[in-house]
Each structure stands twice: as structure tokens, then as C-alpha cells.
Amino acid sequence: MCHIHVGGLAVTGLFGQVKHVVLRGRITVLKHMSNLTSLLSFHRFELVLSDAEPVAVLVLKMKPESVPALRRVLELGGVRQEG
């Protein structure tokens, strides 16, 4: 799960434990890939950070609400998007 906040986002595991907290100012590039077929639908985001390893987020839905919200928050912060 990905919880989007004004200052960044928190990525949690399957049982709600926080795996990563990423401040919006640390994200330099958002890479997006999606597979939207009848058998398997997902969106994969890779957040490239200025000072650490990239963080990958996998969203398992055809049209999740979080995709436009994530794009908008990062766009407001001036993050370059690829994909």
C-alpha cells in the first residue's frame, strides 16, 4: 500500500507495517510501468531518490485512485516522470 501525504508518501507491507517513508523533496524521477490485461492488472512505480536506492511500489488494480493522486503530488513538487 502507498499512503500519499502532502510532504511525501509512506509505503507499507501487506500487514500495514511501514517499509519506506519518502519525502517528496528526495524524489528526482518517477518511473511508471503498467500491465492492464484481463488476466493481470498492475501499476509499478519506481521512485528514484537523490540520496538512496530507488523504492518500488506495486499497485494491483486496473484503475486505482492512488495513481492519479501520486502523479499529481509529485508533479506539484517538480518531479520528472518517465513511462
Protein backbone atom coordinates (compact mmCIF):
# COMPACT_ATOMS: atom_id res chain seq x y z
CA MET A 1 0.00 0.00 0.00
CA CYS A 2 1.08 3.54 -0.65
CA HIS A 3 -0.20 6.34 1.60
CA ILE A 4 0.19 9.73 -0.08
CA HIS A 5 0.75 12.81 2.04
CA VAL A 6 1.46 16.42 1.11
CA GLY A 7 5.14 16.10 2.05
CA GLY A 8 5.72 12.68 0.50
CA LEU A 9 4.50 9.14 0.91
CA ALA A 10 4.68 6.08 3.13
CA VAL A 11 4.93 2.59 1.65
CA THR A 12 3.55 -0.23 3.80
CA GLY A 13 3.74 -4.00 3.55
CA LEU A 14 0.88 -6.48 3.33
CA PHE A 15 0.17 -6.29 7.06
CA GLY A 16 0.38 -2.49 7.41
CA GLN A 17 3.97 -2.22 8.66
CA VAL A 18 5.81 0.82 7.30
CA LYS A 19 8.54 -0.26 4.85
CA HIS A 20 9.65 3.14 3.50
CA VAL A 21 8.93 6.79 4.15
CA VAL A 22 9.91 9.04 1.27
CA LEU A 23 9.91 12.83 1.44
CA ARG A 24 8.76 14.46 -1.79
CA GLY A 25 11.92 16.58 -1.99
CA ARG A 26 14.11 13.45 -2.18
CA ILE A 27 12.31 12.04 -5.26
CA THR A 28 14.03 13.04 -8.50
CA VAL A 29 12.27 10.80 -11.07
CA LEU A 30 9.05 8.78 -11.10
CA LYS A 31 9.17 5.78 -13.43
CA HIS A 32 5.81 4.19 -14.24
CA MET A 33 5.05 0.90 -15.94
CA SER A 34 1.66 -0.78 -16.19
CA ASN A 35 0.17 -4.02 -17.41
CA LEU A 36 -3.58 -3.79 -17.97
CA THR A 37 -4.89 -7.11 -19.25
CA SER A 38 -7.89 -9.18 -18.23
CA LEU A 39 -5.63 -11.74 -16.53
CA LEU A 40 -3.38 -9.41 -14.59
CA SER A 41 -3.61 -5.68 -13.99
CA PHE A 42 -0.99 -3.70 -12.12
CA HIS A 43 0.93 -0.44 -12.00
CA ARG A 44 4.58 -0.43 -10.95
CA PHE A 45 6.18 2.79 -9.80
CA GLU A 46 9.85 3.26 -9.16
CA LEU A 47 10.77 6.32 -7.15
CA VAL A 48 14.34 7.35 -7.93
CA LEU A 49 15.74 9.16 -4.92
CA SER A 50 18.51 11.74 -4.78
CA ASP A 51 20.33 10.15 -1.84
CA ALA A 52 19.33 6.46 -1.60
CA GLU A 53 18.36 3.33 -3.52
CA PRO A 54 15.16 3.52 -5.61
CA VAL A 55 11.88 2.48 -3.96
CA ALA A 56 9.44 0.33 -5.95
CA VAL A 57 5.67 0.42 -5.37
CA LEU A 58 3.32 -2.15 -6.91
CA VAL A 59 -0.42 -1.33 -7.20
CA LEU A 60 -2.64 -4.30 -8.11
CA LYS A 61 -5.72 -2.67 -9.67
CA MET A 62 -6.87 -1.66 -13.13
CA LYS A 63 -7.77 1.94 -12.20
CA PRO A 64 -6.56 2.65 -8.66
CA GLU A 65 -7.32 6.01 -7.09
CA SER A 66 -3.72 6.31 -5.94
CA VAL A 67 -2.21 6.52 -9.44
CA PRO A 68 -3.53 9.99 -10.41
CA ALA A 69 -3.04 11.22 -6.84
CA LEU A 70 0.60 10.10 -6.78
CA ARG A 71 1.27 11.67 -10.16
CA ARG A 72 -0.35 14.96 -9.10
CA VAL A 73 1.54 15.24 -5.80
CA LEU A 74 4.87 14.59 -7.50
CA GLU A 75 4.03 16.91 -10.41
CA LEU A 76 3.42 19.73 -7.92
CA GLY A 77 6.86 19.02 -6.46
CA GLY A 78 8.54 19.29 -9.87
CA VAL A 79 9.42 15.60 -10.14
CA ARG A 80 10.24 14.39 -13.67
CA GLN A 81 8.07 11.46 -14.82
CA GLU A 82 9.07 8.66 -17.17
CA GLY A 83 6.82 6.00 -18.64
